[in-house]
Structures are given as C-alpha cells and as structure tokens.
PDB file of N, CA and C in Angstrom:
ATOM      1  N   MET A   1     -98.034  40.090-106.937  1.00  0.00           N
ATOM      2  CA  MET A   1     -98.984  39.972-108.026  1.00  0.00           C
ATOM      3  C   MET A   1     -99.943  38.834-107.677  1.00  0.00           C
ATOM      4  N   ASP A   2    -101.224  39.065-107.883  1.00  0.00           N
ATOM      5  CA  ASP A   2    -102.193  38.025-107.546  1.00  0.00           C
ATOM      6  C   ASP A   2    -102.279  36.970-108.647  1.00  0.00           C
ATOM      7  N   GLN A   3    -102.945  35.885-108.323  1.00  0.00           N
ATOM      8  CA  GLN A   3    -103.019  34.728-109.228  1.00  0.00           C
ATOM      9  C   GLN A   3    -103.593  35.091-110.593  1.00  0.00           C
ATOM     10  N   ASP A   4    -104.650  35.898-110.628  1.00  0.00           N
ATOM     11  CA  ASP A   4    -105.261  36.270-111.917  1.00  0.00           C
ATOM     12  C   ASP A   4    -104.306  37.098-112.769  1.00  0.00           C
ATOM     13  N   ALA A   5    -103.593  38.019-112.128  1.00  0.00           N
ATOM     14  CA  ALA A   5    -102.633  38.846-112.864  1.00  0.00           C
ATOM     15  C   ALA A   5    -101.488  37.997-113.395  1.00  0.00           C
ATOM     16  N   ILE A   6    -101.004  37.079-112.573  1.00  0.00           N
ATOM     17  CA  ILE A   6     -99.925  36.187-113.020  1.00  0.00           C
ATOM     18  C   ILE A   6    -100.391  35.381-114.223  1.00  0.00           C
ATOM     19  N   LEU A   7    -101.587  34.844-114.148  1.00  0.00           N
ATOM     20  CA  LEU A   7    -102.122  34.037-115.243  1.00  0.00           C
ATOM     21  C   LEU A   7    -102.261  34.854-116.521  1.00  0.00           C
ATOM     22  N   THR A   8    -102.735  36.073-116.412  1.00  0.00           N
ATOM     23  CA  THR A   8    -102.854  36.965-117.573  1.00  0.00           C
ATOM     24  C   THR A   8    -101.489  37.197-118.213  1.00  0.00           C
ATOM     25  N   HIS A   9    -100.495  37.488-117.378  1.00  0.00           N
ATOM     26  CA  HIS A   9     -99.138  37.718-117.896  1.00  0.00           C
ATOM     27  C   HIS A   9     -98.541  36.438-118.465  1.00  0.00           C
ATOM     28  N   LEU A  10     -98.859  35.308-117.848  1.00  0.00           N
ATOM     29  CA  LEU A  10     -98.349  34.027-118.327  1.00  0.00           C
ATOM     30  C   LEU A  10     -98.884  33.702-119.717  1.00  0.00           C
ATOM     31  N   VAL A  11    -100.147  33.959-119.937  1.00  0.00           N
ATOM     32  CA  VAL A  11    -100.737  33.718-121.261  1.00  0.00           C
ATOM     33  C   VAL A  11    -100.035  34.583-122.310  1.00  0.00           C
ATOM     34  N   ALA A  12     -99.808  35.854-121.972  1.00  0.00           N
ATOM     35  CA  ALA A  12     -99.122  36.756-122.909  1.00  0.00           C
ATOM     36  C   ALA A  12     -97.680  36.298-123.148  1.00  0.00           C
ATOM     37  N   ALA A  13     -97.018  35.857-122.098  1.00  0.00           N
ATOM     38  CA  ALA A  13     -95.636  35.398-122.230  1.00  0.00           C
ATOM     39  C   ALA A  13     -95.552  34.141-123.095  1.00  0.00           C
ATOM     40  N   GLN A  14     -96.497  33.226-122.914  1.00  0.00           N
ATOM     41  CA  GLN A  14     -96.512  32.011-123.732  1.00  0.00           C
ATOM     42  C   GLN A  14     -96.727  32.359-125.198  1.00  0.00           C
ATOM     43  N   ARG A  15     -97.596  33.311-125.447  1.00  0.00           N
ATOM     44  CA  ARG A  15     -97.839  33.744-126.836  1.00  0.00           C
ATOM     45  C   ARG A  15     -96.577  34.361-127.434  1.00  0.00           C
ATOM     46  N   ALA A  16     -95.849  35.138-126.626  1.00  0.00           N
ATOM     47  CA  ALA A  16     -94.601  35.737-127.106  1.00  0.00           C
ATOM     48  C   ALA A  16     -93.580  34.655-127.444  1.00  0.00           C
ATOM     49  N   VAL A  17     -93.529  33.594-126.639  1.00  0.00           N
ATOM     50  CA  VAL A  17     -92.625  32.486-126.924  1.00  0.00           C
ATOM     51  C   VAL A  17     -93.015  31.811-128.242  1.00  0.00           C
ATOM     52  N   GLU A  18     -94.296  31.587-128.432  1.00  0.00           N
ATOM     53  CA  GLU A  18     -94.761  30.943-129.664  1.00  0.00           C
ATOM     54  C   GLU A  18     -94.459  31.801-130.889  1.00  0.00           C
ATOM     55  N   LEU A  19     -94.704  33.098-130.796  1.00  0.00           N
ATOM     56  CA  LEU A  19     -94.386  34.001-131.916  1.00  0.00           C
ATOM     57  C   LEU A  19     -92.887  34.048-132.161  1.00  0.00           C
ATOM     58  N   GLY A  20     -92.131  34.043-131.081  1.00  0.00           N
ATOM     59  CA  GLY A  20     -90.678  34.044-131.217  1.00  0.00           C
ATOM     60  C   GLY A  20     -90.183  32.825-131.962  1.00  0.00           C
ATOM     61  N   GLU A  21     -90.764  31.666-131.664  1.00  0.00           N
ATOM     62  CA  GLU A  21     -90.374  30.443-132.375  1.00  0.00           C
ATOM     63  C   GLU A  21     -90.660  30.569-133.870  1.00  0.00           C
ATOM     64  N   GLN A  22     -91.792  31.167-134.198  1.00  0.00           N
ATOM     65  CA  GLN A  22     -92.131  31.377-135.605  1.00  0.00           C
ATOM     66  C   GLN A  22     -91.123  32.314-136.274  1.00  0.00           C
ATOM     67  N   HIS A  23     -90.727  33.384-135.586  1.00  0.00           N
ATOM     68  CA  HIS A  23     -89.747  34.325-136.145  1.00  0.00           C
ATOM     69  C   HIS A  23     -88.397  33.652-136.343  1.00  0.00           C
ATOM     70  N   LEU A  24     -87.991  32.845-135.365  1.00  0.00           N
ATOM     71  CA  LEU A  24     -86.715  32.138-135.493  1.00  0.00           C
ATOM     72  C   LEU A  24     -86.729  31.185-136.689  1.00  0.00           C
ATOM     73  N   LEU A  25     -87.799  30.450-136.828  1.00  0.00           N
ATOM     74  CA  LEU A  25     -87.913  29.515-137.945  1.00  0.00           C
ATOM     75  C   LEU A  25     -87.872  30.250-139.282  1.00  0.00           C
ATOM     76  N   ARG A  26     -88.626  31.337-139.382  1.00  0.00           N
ATOM     77  CA  ARG A  26     -88.657  32.120-140.617  1.00  0.00           C
ATOM     78  C   ARG A  26     -87.275  32.685-140.933  1.00  0.00           C
ATOM     79  N   GLN A  27     -86.587  33.187-139.917  1.00  0.00           N
ATOM     80  CA  GLN A  27     -85.263  33.768-140.152  1.00  0.00           C
ATOM     81  C   GLN A  27     -84.258  32.708-140.563  1.00  0.00           C
ATOM     82  N   ARG A  28     -84.324  31.544-139.931  1.00  0.00           N
ATOM     83  CA  ARG A  28     -83.410  30.458-140.319  1.00  0.00           C
ATOM     84  C   ARG A  28     -83.651  30.013-141.760  1.00  0.00           C
ATOM     85  N   ARG A  29     -84.908  29.966-142.148  1.00  0.00           N
ATOM     86  CA  ARG A  29     -85.228  29.610-143.536  1.00  0.00           C
ATOM     87  C   ARG A  29     -84.722  30.670-144.502  1.00  0.00           C
ATOM     88  N   LEU A  30     -84.858  31.930-144.118  1.00  0.00           N
ATOM     89  CA  LEU A  30     -84.370  33.025-144.958  1.00  0.00           C
ATOM     90  C   LEU A  30     -82.861  32.925-145.133  1.00  0.00           C
ATOM     91  N   ILE A  31     -82.150  32.660-144.059  1.00  0.00           N
ATOM     92  CA  ILE A  31     -80.696  32.523-144.131  1.00  0.00           C
ATOM     93  C   ILE A  31     -80.314  31.374-145.057  1.00  0.00           C
ATOM     94  N   ALA A  32     -80.976  30.254-144.895  1.00  0.00           N
ATOM     95  CA  ALA A  32     -80.680  29.099-145.752  1.00  0.00           C
ATOM     96  C   ALA A  32     -80.934  29.439-147.209  1.00  0.00           C
ATOM     97  N   ASP A  33     -82.019  30.151-147.491  1.00  0.00           N
ATOM     98  CA  ASP A  33     -82.337  30.538-148.868  1.00  0.00           C
ATOM     99  C   ASP A  33     -81.294  31.508-149.413  1.00  0.00           C
ATOM    100  N   LEU A  34     -80.924  32.489-148.625  1.00  0.00           N
ATOM    101  CA  LEU A  34     -79.899  33.444-149.075  1.00  0.00           C
ATOM    102  C   LEU A  34     -78.596  32.727-149.401  1.00  0.00           C
ATOM    103  N   GLU A  35     -78.172  31.848-148.509  1.00  0.00           N
ATOM    104  CA  GLU A  35     -76.916  31.135-148.723  1.00  0.00           C
ATOM    105  C   GLU A  35     -76.991  30.185-149.909  1.00  0.00           C
ATOM    106  N   ARG A  36     -78.114  29.538-150.074  1.00  0.00           N
ATOM    107  CA  ARG A  36     -78.297  28.619-151.205  1.00  0.00           C
ATOM    108  C   ARG A  36     -78.201  29.371-152.527  1.00  0.00           C
ATOM    109  N   ARG A  37     -78.676  30.615-152.513  1.00  0.00           N
ATOM    110  CA  ARG A  37     -78.665  31.423-153.735  1.00  0.00           C
ATOM    111  C   ARG A  37     -77.379  32.232-153.895  1.00  0.00           C
ATOM    112  N   GLY A  38     -76.440  32.053-152.947  1.00  0.00           N
ATOM    113  CA  GLY A  38     -75.134  32.689-153.073  1.00  0.00           C
ATOM    114  C   GLY A  38     -75.062  34.117-152.550  1.00  0.00           C
ATOM    115  N   PHE A  39     -76.043  34.547-151.778  1.00  0.00           N
ATOM    116  CA  PHE A  39     -76.037  35.902-151.232  1.00  0.00           C
ATOM    117  C   PHE A  39     -75.339  35.939-149.878  1.00  0.00           C
ATOM    118  N   ASP A  40     -74.920  37.119-149.494  1.00  0.00           N
ATOM    119  CA  ASP A  40     -74.297  37.349-148.190  1.00  0.00           C
ATOM    120  C   ASP A  40     -75.393  37.349-147.120  1.00  0.00           C
ATOM    121  N   ALA A  41     -75.294  36.473-146.164  1.00  0.00           N
ATOM    122  CA  ALA A  41     -76.330  36.340-145.143  1.00  0.00           C
ATOM    123  C   ALA A  41     -75.882  36.880-143.780  1.00  0.00           C
ATOM    124  N   ARG A  42     -74.805  37.660-143.765  1.00  0.00           N
ATOM    125  CA  ARG A  42     -74.283  38.148-142.483  1.00  0.00           C
ATOM    126  C   ARG A  42     -75.292  38.992-141.713  1.00  0.00           C
ATOM    127  N   MET A  43     -75.944  39.905-142.374  1.00  0.00           N
ATOM    128  CA  MET A  43     -76.940  40.751-141.698  1.00  0.00           C
ATOM    129  C   MET A  43     -78.112  39.906-141.197  1.00  0.00           C
ATOM    130  N   ALA A  44     -78.529  38.956-142.000  1.00  0.00           N
ATOM    131  CA  ALA A  44     -79.623  38.074-141.594  1.00  0.00           C
ATOM    132  C   ALA A  44     -79.211  37.240-140.377  1.00  0.00           C
ATOM    133  N   ARG A  45     -77.956  36.836-140.321  1.00  0.00           N
ATOM    134  CA  ARG A  45     -77.458  36.078-139.169  1.00  0.00           C
ATOM    135  C   ARG A  45     -77.401  36.951-137.917  1.00  0.00           C
ATOM    136  N   ARG A  46     -77.020  38.214-138.087  1.00  0.00           N
ATOM    137  CA  ARG A  46     -77.011  39.124-136.934  1.00  0.00           C
ATOM    138  C   ARG A  46     -78.426  39.331-136.412  1.00  0.00           C
ATOM    139  N   LEU A  47     -79.375  39.456-137.324  1.00  0.00           N
ATOM    140  CA  LEU A  47     -80.766  39.599-136.911  1.00  0.00           C
ATOM    141  C   LEU A  47     -81.238  38.331-136.196  1.00  0.00           C
ATOM    142  N   LEU A  48     -80.838  37.187-136.696  1.00  0.00           N
ATOM    143  CA  LEU A  48     -81.177  35.923-136.033  1.00  0.00           C
ATOM    144  C   LEU A  48     -80.631  35.897-134.608  1.00  0.00           C
ATOM    145  N   ALA A  49     -79.410  36.367-134.415  1.00  0.00           N
ATOM    146  CA  ALA A  49     -78.825  36.404-133.069  1.00  0.00           C
ATOM    147  C   ALA A  49     -79.656  37.301-132.152  1.00  0.00           C
ATOM    148  N   THR A  50     -80.136  38.420-132.684  1.00  0.00           N
ATOM    149  CA  THR A  50     -80.999  39.313-131.899  1.00  0.00           C
ATOM    150  C   THR A  50     -82.299  38.606-131.549  1.00  0.00           C
ATOM    151  N   PHE A  51     -82.896  37.927-132.515  1.00  0.00           N
ATOM    152  CA  PHE A  51     -84.124  37.168-132.262  1.00  0.00           C
ATOM    153  C   PHE A  51     -83.889  36.095-131.191  1.00  0.00           C
ATOM    154  N   GLU A  52     -82.742  35.422-131.256  1.00  0.00           N
ATOM    155  CA  GLU A  52     -82.438  34.375-130.283  1.00  0.00           C
ATOM    156  C   GLU A  52     -82.295  34.952-128.871  1.00  0.00           C
ATOM    157  N   GLN A  53     -81.670  36.114-128.764  1.00  0.00           N
ATOM    158  CA  GLN A  53     -81.556  36.766-127.451  1.00  0.00           C
ATOM    159  C   GLN A  53     -82.929  37.157-126.923  1.00  0.00           C
ATOM    160  N   SER A  54     -83.738  37.705-127.790  1.00  0.00           N
ATOM    161  CA  SER A  54     -85.091  38.098-127.400  1.00  0.00           C
ATOM    162  C   SER A  54     -85.897  36.876-126.975  1.00  0.00           C
ATOM    163  N   GLN A  55     -85.753  35.795-127.711  1.00  0.00           N
ATOM    164  CA  GLN A  55     -86.482  34.568-127.380  1.00  0.00           C
ATOM    165  C   GLN A  55     -86.054  34.036-126.025  1.00  0.00           C
ATOM    166  N   ALA A  56     -84.771  34.101-125.733  1.00  0.00           N
ATOM    167  CA  ALA A  56     -84.288  33.639-124.435  1.00  0.00           C
ATOM    168  C   ALA A  56     -84.935  34.437-123.305  1.00  0.00           C
ATOM    169  N   LEU A  57     -85.114  35.731-123.510  1.00  0.00           N
ATOM    170  CA  LEU A  57     -85.783  36.561-122.507  1.00  0.00           C
ATOM    171  C   LEU A  57     -87.255  36.194-122.372  1.00  0.00           C
ATOM    172  N   HIS A  58     -87.900  35.932-123.491  1.00  0.00           N
ATOM    173  CA  HIS A  58     -89.312  35.518-123.446  1.00  0.00           C
ATOM    174  C   HIS A  58     -89.472  34.201-122.674  1.00  0.00           C
ATOM    175  N   VAL A  59     -88.593  33.261-122.952  1.00  0.00           N
ATOM    176  CA  VAL A  59     -88.656  31.963-122.271  1.00  0.00           C
ATOM    177  C   VAL A  59     -88.383  32.143-120.777  1.00  0.00           C
ATOM    178  N   PHE A  60     -87.383  32.957-120.439  1.00  0.00           N
ATOM    179  CA  PHE A  60     -87.075  33.220-119.036  1.00  0.00           C
ATOM    180  C   PHE A  60     -88.285  33.817-118.326  1.00  0.00           C
ATOM    181  N   ASP A  61     -88.930  34.800-118.968  1.00  0.00           N
ATOM    182  CA  ASP A  61     -90.098  35.453-118.380  1.00  0.00           C
ATOM    183  C   ASP A  61     -91.242  34.464-118.200  1.00  0.00           C
ATOM    184  N   ARG A  62     -91.505  33.655-119.227  1.00  0.00           N
ATOM    185  CA  ARG A  62     -92.571  32.650-119.128  1.00  0.00           C
ATOM    186  C   ARG A  62     -92.309  31.661-117.997  1.00  0.00           C
ATOM    187  N   ASP A  63     -91.072  31.193-117.916  1.00  0.00           N
ATOM    188  CA  ASP A  63     -90.721  30.224-116.872  1.00  0.00           C
ATOM    189  C   ASP A  63     -90.856  30.838-115.482  1.00  0.00           C
ATOM    190  N   ARG A  64     -90.452  32.098-115.342  1.00  0.00           N
ATOM    191  CA  ARG A  64     -90.589  32.784-114.062  1.00  0.00           C
ATOM    192  C   ARG A  64     -92.053  32.906-113.672  1.00  0.00           C
ATOM    193  N   LEU A  65     -92.890  33.264-114.634  1.00  0.00           N
ATOM    194  CA  LEU A  65     -94.319  33.388-114.359  1.00  0.00           C
ATOM    195  C   LEU A  65     -94.939  32.041-113.995  1.00  0.00           C
ATOM    196  N   GLN A  66     -94.483  30.969-114.625  1.00  0.00           N
ATOM    197  CA  GLN A  66     -94.970  29.635-114.267  1.00  0.00           C
ATOM    198  C   GLN A  66     -94.609  29.307-112.823  1.00  0.00           C
ATOM    199  N   ARG A  67     -93.390  29.650-112.415  1.00  0.00           N
ATOM    200  CA  ARG A  67     -92.985  29.419-111.023  1.00  0.00           C
ATOM    201  C   ARG A  67     -93.812  30.278-110.068  1.00  0.00           C
ATOM    202  N   ASP A  68     -94.026  31.547-110.451  1.00  0.00           N
ATOM    203  CA  ASP A  68     -94.831  32.444-109.615  1.00  0.00           C
ATOM    204  C   ASP A  68     -96.254  31.918-109.447  1.00  0.00           C
ATOM    205  N   LEU A  69     -96.828  31.415-110.539  1.00  0.00           N
ATOM    206  CA  LEU A  69     -98.182  30.877-110.475  1.00  0.00           C
ATOM    207  C   LEU A  69     -98.229  29.639-109.578  1.00  0.00           C
ATOM    208  N   ALA A  70     -97.260  28.768-109.725  1.00  0.00           N
ATOM    209  CA  ALA A  70     -97.213  27.561-108.880  1.00  0.00           C
ATOM    210  C   ALA A  70     -97.102  27.954-107.411  1.00  0.00           C
ATOM    211  N   GLN A  71     -96.298  28.943-107.124  1.00  0.00           N
ATOM    212  CA  GLN A  71     -96.144  29.396-105.740  1.00  0.00           C
ATOM    213  C   GLN A  71     -97.455  30.011-105.224  1.00  0.00           C
ATOM    214  N   ALA A  72     -98.122  30.793-106.062  1.00  0.00           N
ATOM    215  CA  ALA A  72     -99.385  31.397-105.663  1.00  0.00           C
ATOM    216  C   ALA A  72    -100.441  30.327-105.392  1.00  0.00           C
ATOM    217  N   LEU A  73    -100.458  29.284-106.212  1.00  0.00           N
ATOM    218  CA  LEU A  73    -101.412  28.195-106.010  1.00  0.00           C
ATOM    219  C   LEU A  73    -101.102  27.420-104.732  1.00  0.00           C
ATOM    220  N   ARG A  74     -99.817  27.230-104.456  1.00  0.00           N
ATOM    221  CA  ARG A  74     -99.438  26.552-103.204  1.00  0.00           C
ATOM    222  C   ARG A  74     -99.859  27.380-102.008  1.00  0.00           C
ATOM    223  N   SER A  75     -99.737  28.694-102.108  1.00  0.00           N
ATOM    224  CA  SER A  75    -100.111  29.582-101.005  1.00  0.00           C
ATOM    225  C   SER A  75    -101.609  29.504-100.737  1.00  0.00           C
ATOM    226  N   LEU A  76    -102.382  29.357-101.801  1.00  0.00           N
ATOM    227  CA  LEU A  76    -103.842  29.251-101.639  1.00  0.00           C
ATOM    228  C   LEU A  76    -104.242  27.960-100.930  1.00  0.00           C
ATOM    229  N   SER A  77    -103.510  26.889-101.238  1.00  0.00           N
ATOM    230  CA  SER A  77    -103.877  25.600-100.666  1.00  0.00           C
ATOM    231  C   SER A  77    -103.314  25.395 -99.259  1.00  0.00           C
ATOM    232  N   ALA A  78    -102.430  26.284 -98.845  1.00  0.00           N
ATOM    233  CA  ALA A  78    -101.816  26.136 -97.506  1.00  0.00           C
ATOM    234  C   ALA A  78    -102.691  26.703 -96.416  1.00  0.00           C
TER     235      ALA A  78
END
C-alpha cells in the first residue's frame, strides 16, 4: 500500500477509534443509569463487552497503520 493510501486508511481508523470511545462512554453511562434506577443491566453489559472488543480491533488497526506509515516514510528517506 502506498503512503497516500495508508494515510487515507489511517485517518478513517483514527475516526473509528474516536467514535468507539464515544460509544463506550455512552454505554457505560447507560449501564450506570440502569443500575442506579434498579434495572437489570446484563444485556447492556454484554453490549459494552462487544463494543470493547470492537474498539480493541479499531485501535489495533490504527496502530498497525501508524507503523506502516512510519515504515513507508523511512523507505522514502532511504
């Protein structure tokens, strides 16, 4: 993948990480609200676990793209 393509994918991956953080925060707040009001939050917790797994993949992808970009830049300067 060339430098421009890596950068394009990196921008998208960073955005996915940022959106994922927002989803995690919203879900954690929802769980806290459900529990505070005495409701069963098991399903909400399972959804949170799914969000956390998805976020881990987004972070892994972003980090990989950052490494790929750094390597591509090193190749250009060599």
